């Protein structure tokens, strides 16, 4: 094969390959997510990554489907999308068996998601995302629980309150503001899109974009939007949505979540949010960005012809979570799943090596037996490069005496022990 016909070893742009050390980090993230959400009573579900494109057009928004999805026509002439998010899917699942399910319903999933966009730090074309959703509760107790779950995940990863903030808003309050400024539904939706991109725009650019919708009312609108107290007073402290937001924040503060702040400009990009929305932000100057978020989407199940089922949830991506852990030096040190590498002082000792390995595996030790037939020094280098924490050598002297040299590759300490003692030493090390 000539050089011109060799295939590239590069992965598709915007996706990742997971070598063992990479997958170790991803599994750590996944396992931490699962541990926290299951403590709150959430159970796992899953679904295919293929969905009808119509599902996303209906509620995620035309921009998502037309510009950011992998959408194609299958051989049955159906328009299919690789899912860009999980919320419409879980709404479909719940609507399909609404009469068979027991509410309140606490579900979670860690799906593989795809978005066609420019790859950059914290945002790739493929990622995995924890989705946590609570169905069947329309009062703020569900909102506070969902935010609390997100907060507890951050704490489980080792984050301090000073490392991140939780921004909260309510779409109904912003909708009330639109009404007071005379915006119709179409222009209200356009205004939401502009506000959602505020952090990426210059002040002049933001004002200019809103002027197309608000004309001479623009400065007053921005003034209210940038002052939480003025905005709430303008909408009315007795407004039920304002009272509900204030009460939600008070409940979270009382529960010890003190890094929560009201942000009227927080919109979240999807069209399906109907009430409370929130986002968790990294406060480090090196990674000052949104980490994850969610909110209330009470209307989504009605897309499927069923009655509305109140729902609230959030999605947390593995890419932004890893960036956060790296930034704050919270990533765990790699530890392979293999506990012990058995080195052979000759191929004639392979049978004994396999016999020892079998006994140790029955006691819960993960064992790899050397197959390289290389010299002992090279076998030890193999174990060292693979970061296997222990090695043991099998040769004629060891077999005859029943005493084996167990070496801790991290400390360099070598112990002369019986095989029966190996599992206990490795367990104590773990």
Protein backbone atom coordinates (compact mmCIF):
# COMPACT_ATOMS: atom_id res chain seq x y z
CA UNK A 1 0.00 0.00 0.00
CA UNK A 2 1.46 3.37 -0.99
CA UNK A 3 1.54 6.39 1.32
CA UNK A 4 -1.22 8.01 -0.74
CA UNK A 5 -3.68 5.22 0.05
CA UNK A 6 -3.04 5.03 3.79
CA UNK A 7 -6.03 5.90 5.93
CA UNK A 8 -5.73 8.74 8.42
CA UNK A 9 -5.47 7.92 12.11
CA UNK A 10 -7.32 11.15 12.96
CA UNK A 11 -10.85 10.87 14.34
CA UNK A 12 -13.78 12.72 12.77
CA UNK A 13 -13.58 16.43 13.58
CA UNK A 14 -15.32 17.35 16.82
CA UNK A 15 -15.46 13.87 18.38
CA UNK A 16 -13.08 12.08 20.74
CA UNK A 17 -11.28 8.78 20.99
CA UNK A 18 -11.11 7.38 24.51
CA UNK A 19 -7.86 5.67 25.35
CA UNK A 20 -7.88 3.86 28.74
CA UNK A 21 -6.75 6.93 30.72
CA UNK A 22 -9.39 9.08 28.97
CA UNK A 23 -12.12 6.53 29.60
CA UNK A 24 -11.06 6.31 33.25
CA UNK A 25 -11.89 10.04 33.62
CA UNK A 26 -15.17 9.71 31.75
CA UNK A 27 -16.22 6.72 33.86
CA UNK A 28 -15.32 8.69 36.99
CA UNK A 29 -17.62 11.50 35.83
CA UNK A 30 -20.42 9.07 34.92
CA UNK A 31 -20.14 7.14 38.19
CA UNK A 32 -20.18 10.33 40.25
CA UNK A 33 -23.28 11.50 38.43
CA UNK A 34 -25.02 8.17 39.00
CA UNK A 35 -24.07 8.02 42.67
CA UNK A 36 -25.55 11.44 43.44
CA UNK A 37 -28.78 11.25 41.43
CA UNK A 38 -29.61 7.74 42.66
CA UNK A 39 -29.30 8.98 46.25
CA UNK A 40 -32.18 11.34 45.42
CA UNK A 41 -34.30 8.46 44.12
CA UNK A 42 -33.75 8.87 40.35
CA UNK A 43 -33.76 5.72 38.20
CA UNK A 44 -32.03 5.18 34.87
CA UNK A 45 -33.69 4.90 31.44
CA UNK A 46 -32.38 4.97 27.86
CA UNK A 47 -33.52 5.29 24.24
CA UNK A 48 -32.19 5.14 20.68
CA UNK A 49 -30.00 7.99 19.45
CA UNK A 50 -32.16 8.15 16.29
CA UNK A 51 -35.29 10.31 16.45
CA UNK A 52 -37.71 11.83 13.96
CA UNK A 53 -36.51 15.29 12.91
CA UNK A 54 -40.07 16.51 13.45
CA UNK A 55 -39.63 16.10 17.20
CA UNK A 56 -36.91 18.76 17.33
CA UNK A 57 -38.58 21.10 14.87
CA UNK A 58 -41.67 21.13 17.06
CA UNK A 59 -40.04 22.30 20.27
CA UNK A 60 -36.24 22.63 20.24
CA UNK A 61 -36.47 25.27 17.53
CA UNK A 62 -35.89 25.51 13.77
CA UNK A 63 -32.35 26.87 14.32
CA UNK A 64 -31.36 23.70 16.17
CA UNK A 65 -32.61 21.42 13.36
CA UNK A 66 -31.53 23.50 10.36
CA UNK A 67 -28.08 24.53 11.58
CA UNK A 68 -26.93 22.27 14.40
CA UNK A 69 -28.16 18.71 13.83
CA UNK A 70 -27.07 15.68 11.88
CA UNK A 71 -30.30 15.18 9.95
CA UNK A 72 -30.72 12.84 6.98
CA UNK A 73 -33.36 10.97 4.98
CA UNK A 74 -33.36 7.23 5.54
CA UNK A 75 -34.17 4.53 2.95
CA UNK A 76 -37.83 4.73 3.88
CA UNK A 77 -37.81 8.44 2.96
CA UNK A 78 -38.16 9.45 6.62
CA UNK A 79 -36.29 12.47 7.97
CA UNK A 80 -34.15 11.27 10.87
CA UNK A 81 -31.94 13.17 13.33
CA UNK A 82 -29.09 12.02 15.55
CA UNK A 83 -30.43 13.38 18.82
CA UNK A 84 -28.89 16.76 19.82
CA UNK A 85 -30.51 16.63 23.28
CA UNK A 86 -32.54 14.22 25.41
CA UNK A 87 -35.43 16.26 26.81
CA UNK A 88 -37.81 15.82 23.83
CA UNK A 89 -37.08 12.07 23.89
CA UNK A 90 -37.86 11.66 27.58
CA UNK A 91 -41.06 13.68 27.11
CA UNK A 92 -42.04 11.28 24.31
CA UNK A 93 -41.34 8.24 26.53
CA UNK A 94 -43.40 9.63 29.40
CA UNK A 95 -46.30 10.63 27.13
CA UNK A 96 -46.34 7.16 25.54
CA UNK A 97 -46.98 5.40 28.88
CA UNK A 98 -48.47 8.19 30.94
CA UNK A 99 -51.33 6.00 32.23
CA UNK A 100 -48.95 3.23 33.31
CA UNK A 101 -46.41 5.36 35.17
CA UNK A 102 -46.50 6.35 38.84
CA UNK A 103 -45.97 10.07 39.39
CA UNK A 104 -43.97 11.90 40.64
CA UNK A 105 -41.47 10.32 38.27
CA UNK A 106 -37.72 10.71 38.82
CA UNK A 107 -35.67 9.59 35.82
CA UNK A 108 -32.09 10.07 34.62
CA UNK A 109 -30.00 9.04 31.63
CA UNK A 110 -26.49 9.60 30.25
CA UNK A 111 -27.08 9.69 26.47
CA UNK A 112 -24.67 10.22 23.59
CA UNK A 113 -25.62 13.50 21.82
CA UNK A 114 -24.65 15.08 18.50
CA UNK A 115 -24.56 18.72 17.34
CA UNK A 116 -23.06 20.00 14.10
CA UNK A 117 -21.25 23.13 15.21
CA UNK A 118 -17.75 24.58 15.30
CA UNK A 119 -15.68 22.57 17.81
CA UNK A 120 -14.21 24.70 20.60
CA UNK A 121 -13.28 24.40 24.26
CA UNK A 122 -16.24 22.99 26.14
CA UNK A 123 -18.27 22.31 23.00
CA UNK A 124 -17.78 19.42 20.57
CA UNK A 125 -19.89 17.78 17.90
CA UNK A 126 -20.41 14.70 20.04
CA UNK A 127 -20.67 14.45 23.81
CA UNK A 128 -22.36 12.58 26.63
CA UNK A 129 -24.75 14.33 28.97
CA UNK A 130 -26.39 13.55 32.27
CA UNK A 131 -30.11 14.27 31.99
CA UNK A 132 -32.09 14.47 35.23
CA UNK A 133 -35.86 14.98 35.04
CA UNK A 134 -38.73 15.13 37.51
CA UNK A 135 -42.26 14.69 36.14
CA UNK A 136 -45.63 15.24 37.80
CA UNK A 137 -44.96 18.08 40.28
CA UNK A 138 -46.00 21.60 39.31
CA UNK A 139 -44.97 23.46 42.47
CA UNK A 140 -41.54 24.82 43.34
CA UNK A 141 -40.58 21.82 45.48
CA UNK A 142 -39.58 20.10 42.24
CA UNK A 143 -37.58 23.16 41.14
CA UNK A 144 -35.65 23.30 44.40
CA UNK A 145 -34.96 19.56 44.31
CA UNK A 146 -33.60 19.67 40.75
CA UNK A 147 -31.28 22.59 41.57
CA UNK A 148 -30.21 20.85 44.77
CA UNK A 149 -29.28 17.72 42.80
CA UNK A 150 -27.11 19.85 40.50
CA UNK A 151 -25.48 21.53 43.49
CA UNK A 152 -24.78 18.21 45.22
CA UNK A 153 -23.13 16.87 42.06
CA UNK A 154 -20.72 19.81 42.09
CA UNK A 155 -19.93 19.22 45.76
CA UNK A 156 -19.40 15.50 45.16
CA UNK A 157 -16.76 16.37 42.57
CA UNK A 158 -14.99 18.37 45.27
CA UNK A 159 -16.02 21.87 44.16
CA UNK A 160 -16.22 24.68 46.73
CA UNK A 161 -19.05 27.22 46.73
CA UNK A 162 -16.53 29.86 45.65
CA UNK A 163 -15.70 27.80 42.54
CA UNK A 164 -19.13 28.14 40.93
CA UNK A 165 -22.41 30.04 41.04
CA UNK A 166 -25.97 29.03 40.25
CA UNK A 167 -27.91 31.60 38.22
CA UNK A 168 -31.70 31.40 38.27
CA UNK A 169 -34.50 33.13 36.38
CA UNK A 170 -38.14 32.55 35.45
CA UNK A 171 -39.33 32.72 31.84
CA UNK A 172 -42.77 33.87 33.01
CA UNK A 173 -41.26 36.97 34.59
CA UNK A 174 -39.47 37.85 31.36
CA UNK A 175 -42.68 37.15 29.41
CA UNK A 176 -44.50 39.57 31.71
CA UNK A 177 -41.84 42.16 30.90
CA UNK A 178 -42.40 41.60 27.18
CA UNK A 179 -46.11 42.15 27.72
CA UNK A 180 -45.57 45.44 29.54
CA UNK A 181 -43.41 46.63 26.63
CA UNK A 182 -46.03 45.60 24.07
CA UNK A 183 -44.10 42.80 22.34
CA UNK A 184 -46.17 40.27 20.42
CA UNK A 185 -45.31 36.53 20.65
CA UNK A 186 -43.10 36.62 17.53
CA UNK A 187 -41.06 39.59 18.72
CA UNK A 188 -40.96 38.19 22.25
CA UNK A 189 -39.32 35.06 20.87
CA UNK A 190 -36.82 37.18 18.92
CA UNK A 191 -36.04 39.19 22.05
CA UNK A 192 -35.40 35.98 23.97
CA UNK A 193 -32.91 34.87 21.33
CA UNK A 194 -31.08 38.21 21.60
CA UNK A 195 -31.00 38.12 25.41
CA UNK A 196 -29.76 34.53 25.36
CA UNK A 197 -26.71 35.71 23.36
CA UNK A 198 -26.09 38.84 25.47
CA UNK A 199 -22.86 37.54 27.03
CA UNK A 200 -21.36 37.05 23.55
CA UNK A 201 -22.27 40.55 22.31
CA UNK A 202 -20.88 44.01 22.92
CA UNK A 203 -23.15 46.41 24.85
CA UNK A 204 -23.70 48.44 21.68
CA UNK A 205 -24.42 45.33 19.65
CA UNK A 206 -26.92 44.13 22.23
CA UNK A 207 -28.70 47.49 22.28
CA UNK A 208 -28.80 47.66 18.49
CA UNK A 209 -30.30 44.18 18.22
CA UNK A 210 -33.06 45.05 20.71
CA UNK A 211 -33.79 48.42 19.06
CA UNK A 212 -35.17 46.56 16.05
CA UNK A 213 -37.88 45.21 18.36
CA UNK A 214 -38.31 47.95 20.99
CA UNK A 215 -37.41 51.21 19.23
CA UNK A 216 -37.29 54.10 21.72
CA UNK A 217 -38.17 51.80 24.65
CA UNK A 218 -34.87 49.92 24.34
CA UNK A 219 -32.86 51.75 27.02
CA UNK A 220 -35.66 51.42 29.58
CA UNK A 221 -35.96 47.71 28.76
CA UNK A 222 -32.21 47.12 29.19
CA UNK A 223 -32.16 49.12 32.42
CA UNK A 224 -34.79 46.83 33.91
CA UNK A 225 -33.11 43.73 32.56
CA UNK A 226 -29.81 44.65 34.19
CA UNK A 227 -31.25 45.39 37.63
CA UNK A 228 -32.95 42.48 39.34
CA UNK A 229 -34.56 44.63 42.05
CA UNK A 230 -35.95 47.18 39.59
CA UNK A 231 -37.27 44.42 37.35
CA UNK A 232 -39.11 42.61 40.15
CA UNK A 233 -40.59 45.87 41.40
CA UNK A 234 -41.67 46.75 37.86
CA UNK A 235 -43.40 43.40 37.36
CA UNK A 236 -44.82 43.60 40.88
CA UNK A 237 -43.67 41.97 44.10
CA UNK A 238 -47.14 40.42 44.50
CA UNK A 239 -46.99 38.84 41.05
CA UNK A 240 -47.30 35.06 41.68
CA UNK A 241 -44.32 34.23 39.48
CA UNK A 242 -42.15 36.81 41.22
CA UNK A 243 -43.25 35.48 44.63
CA UNK A 244 -42.52 31.93 43.49
CA UNK A 245 -39.01 32.83 42.29
CA UNK A 246 -38.19 34.68 45.51
CA UNK A 247 -39.51 31.78 47.58
CA UNK A 248 -37.45 29.28 45.56
CA UNK A 249 -34.28 31.28 46.15
CA UNK A 250 -35.10 31.59 49.87
CA UNK A 251 -35.64 27.83 50.18
CA UNK A 252 -32.31 27.12 48.50
CA UNK A 253 -30.52 29.62 50.73
CA UNK A 254 -32.11 28.05 53.80
CA UNK A 255 -30.86 24.64 52.61
CA UNK A 256 -27.30 25.95 52.59
CA UNK A 257 -27.00 26.70 48.87
CA UNK A 258 -25.63 30.21 49.23
CA UNK A 259 -24.05 30.67 45.80
CA UNK A 260 -27.38 31.14 44.00
CA UNK A 261 -28.15 34.48 42.29
CA UNK A 262 -31.09 35.89 40.32
CA UNK A 263 -30.12 36.79 36.74
CA UNK A 264 -32.92 38.30 34.59
CA UNK A 265 -30.84 37.81 31.41
CA UNK A 266 -30.64 34.05 31.84
CA UNK A 267 -32.89 32.57 29.16
CA UNK A 268 -31.60 29.11 28.11
CA UNK A 269 -31.73 28.54 24.36
CA UNK A 270 -34.51 26.03 23.91
CA UNK A 271 -38.05 27.11 23.10
CA UNK A 272 -39.72 24.57 25.39
CA UNK A 273 -38.86 26.18 28.75
CA UNK A 274 -42.00 27.54 30.43
CA UNK A 275 -40.95 28.75 33.89
CA UNK A 276 -37.91 28.51 36.14
CA UNK A 277 -34.55 28.22 34.36
CA UNK A 278 -31.10 27.91 35.92
CA UNK A 279 -27.44 27.54 34.95
CA UNK A 280 -24.32 26.59 36.88
CA UNK A 281 -21.31 28.82 36.04
CA UNK A 282 -17.61 28.25 36.60
CA UNK A 283 -16.19 31.30 38.40
CA UNK A 284 -12.56 30.62 37.51
CA UNK A 285 -11.09 33.31 35.19
CA UNK A 286 -9.46 30.46 33.27
CA UNK A 287 -12.79 28.78 32.50
CA UNK A 288 -15.45 31.43 33.14
CA UNK A 289 -18.41 29.84 31.39
CA UNK A 290 -21.69 28.00 31.77
CA UNK A 291 -21.22 24.40 32.89
CA UNK A 292 -24.78 23.09 32.73
CA UNK A 293 -28.37 24.08 33.29
CA UNK A 294 -32.03 23.36 32.79
CA UNK A 295 -35.46 24.43 33.88
CA UNK A 296 -39.18 23.80 33.80
CA UNK A 297 -40.91 22.54 30.63
CA UNK A 298 -44.55 21.91 31.51
CA UNK A 299 -45.92 21.86 27.95
CA UNK A 300 -43.62 19.39 26.22
CA UNK A 301 -45.65 16.19 26.64
CA UNK A 302 -48.70 17.87 25.06
CA UNK A 303 -46.87 17.71 21.70
CA UNK A 304 -47.83 14.05 21.58
CA UNK A 305 -51.55 14.64 21.96
CA UNK A 306 -51.55 13.81 25.65
CA UNK A 307 -52.36 16.09 28.56
CA UNK A 308 -49.70 18.39 29.94
CA UNK A 309 -47.47 16.80 32.55
CA UNK A 310 -45.48 19.29 34.63
CA UNK A 311 -41.75 18.63 34.34
CA UNK A 312 -38.42 20.12 35.37
CA UNK A 313 -34.90 18.92 34.68
CA UNK A 314 -31.36 19.68 33.61
CA UNK A 315 -28.60 18.39 31.35
CA UNK A 316 -24.91 18.30 32.31
CA UNK A 317 -22.31 17.54 29.64
CA UNK A 318 -19.15 15.50 30.17
CA UNK A 319 -16.96 17.94 28.18
CA UNK A 320 -17.67 21.02 30.33
CA UNK A 321 -17.50 18.89 33.48
CA UNK A 322 -14.05 17.61 32.59
CA UNK A 323 -12.87 21.15 31.78
CA UNK A 324 -14.11 22.28 35.20
CA UNK A 325 -12.33 19.45 37.00
CA UNK A 326 -9.11 20.17 35.11
CA UNK A 327 -9.30 23.88 35.83
CA UNK A 328 -9.80 23.34 39.56
CA UNK A 329 -7.32 20.43 39.77
CA UNK A 330 -10.03 17.99 40.82
CA UNK A 331 -9.35 15.18 38.32
CA UNK A 332 -8.54 11.83 39.94
CA UNK A 333 -5.23 10.13 39.26
CA UNK A 334 -5.47 7.32 36.72
CA UNK A 335 -5.71 3.82 38.15
CA UNK A 336 -6.08 0.88 35.76
CA UNK A 337 -8.63 -1.84 36.45
CA UNK A 338 -5.81 -4.42 36.45
CA UNK A 339 -4.45 -4.99 39.97
CA UNK A 340 -1.63 -7.41 39.30
CA UNK A 341 0.72 -8.37 36.48
CA UNK A 342 2.27 -11.85 36.64
CA UNK A 343 5.78 -11.93 35.19
CA UNK A 344 7.13 -15.29 34.01
CA UNK A 345 10.81 -16.26 34.30
CA UNK A 346 10.33 -18.58 31.37
CA UNK A 347 7.54 -19.78 29.11
CA UNK A 348 7.61 -23.16 30.87
CA UNK A 349 6.08 -21.43 33.91
CA UNK A 350 3.02 -20.16 32.01
CA UNK A 351 0.80 -22.97 33.26
CA UNK A 352 1.65 -22.16 36.88
CA UNK A 353 1.16 -18.45 36.21
CA UNK A 354 -2.32 -19.10 34.83
CA UNK A 355 -3.13 -21.34 37.80
CA UNK A 356 -2.14 -18.57 40.24
CA UNK A 357 -4.12 -16.02 38.22
CA UNK A 358 -7.25 -18.19 38.32
CA UNK A 359 -7.08 -18.50 42.12
CA UNK A 360 -6.58 -14.76 42.57
CA UNK A 361 -9.39 -13.84 40.16
CA UNK A 362 -11.73 -16.02 42.22
CA UNK A 363 -10.83 -13.78 45.19
CA UNK A 364 -11.66 -10.61 43.27
CA UNK A 365 -8.17 -9.64 42.04
CA UNK A 366 -7.90 -8.49 38.40
CA UNK A 367 -4.85 -10.27 36.99
CA UNK A 368 -2.97 -10.13 33.67
CA UNK A 369 -0.45 -12.87 32.88
CA UNK A 370 2.51 -11.93 30.67
CA UNK A 371 2.26 -13.25 27.10
CA UNK A 372 5.21 -11.41 25.61
CA UNK A 373 7.92 -14.02 26.37
CA UNK A 374 10.29 -11.07 26.84
CA UNK A 375 13.06 -10.83 29.41
CA UNK A 376 11.98 -10.08 32.99
CA UNK A 377 13.13 -6.44 32.80
CA UNK A 378 10.96 -5.86 29.72
CA UNK A 379 7.96 -7.52 31.38
CA UNK A 380 8.33 -5.18 34.35
CA UNK A 381 8.48 -2.21 31.96
CA UNK A 382 5.19 -3.35 30.38
CA UNK A 383 3.49 -3.36 33.79
CA UNK A 384 5.02 -0.01 34.67
CA UNK A 385 3.97 1.69 31.43
CA UNK A 386 0.44 0.38 31.90
CA UNK A 387 0.52 1.73 35.49
CA UNK A 388 -0.42 -1.66 36.98
CA UNK A 389 0.21 -1.24 40.73
CA UNK A 390 1.58 -4.72 41.57
CA UNK A 391 3.71 -7.39 39.92
CA UNK A 392 4.63 -10.89 40.98
CA UNK A 393 7.27 -13.15 39.43
CA UNK A 394 6.82 -16.86 38.82
CA UNK A 395 9.86 -19.09 38.36
CA UNK A 396 11.32 -22.37 39.57
CA UNK A 397 12.47 -21.05 42.97
CA UNK A 398 9.11 -19.45 43.68
CA UNK A 399 7.18 -22.57 42.74
CA UNK A 400 9.40 -24.85 44.84
CA UNK A 401 9.36 -22.59 47.93
CA UNK A 402 5.75 -21.38 47.67
CA UNK A 403 7.05 -17.85 48.41
CA UNK A 404 6.62 -15.17 45.75
CA UNK A 405 8.06 -11.63 45.44
CA UNK A 406 5.14 -9.13 45.32
CA UNK A 407 6.35 -5.70 44.27
CA UNK A 408 4.42 -2.45 44.78
CA UNK A 409 5.22 -0.52 41.60
CA UNK A 410 4.32 2.82 43.18
CA UNK A 411 6.54 2.56 46.26
CA UNK A 412 9.12 0.08 45.00
CA UNK A 413 8.64 -2.05 48.13
CA UNK A 414 8.92 -5.80 47.56
CA UNK A 415 7.44 -8.40 49.91
CA UNK A 416 8.08 -12.14 50.05
CA UNK A 417 4.67 -13.71 50.58
CA UNK A 418 2.47 -16.72 49.96
CA UNK A 419 -0.07 -16.51 47.14
CA UNK A 420 -2.87 -16.76 49.74
CA UNK A 421 -1.77 -13.36 51.12
CA UNK A 422 -1.83 -11.47 47.79
CA UNK A 423 -5.54 -10.62 47.65
CA UNK A 424 -5.57 -9.11 51.17
CA UNK A 425 -2.54 -6.90 50.43
CA UNK A 426 -4.05 -5.64 47.17
CA UNK A 427 -7.44 -4.96 48.82
CA UNK A 428 -5.74 -2.94 51.58
CA UNK A 429 -3.87 -0.96 48.92
CA UNK A 430 -7.10 -0.12 47.09
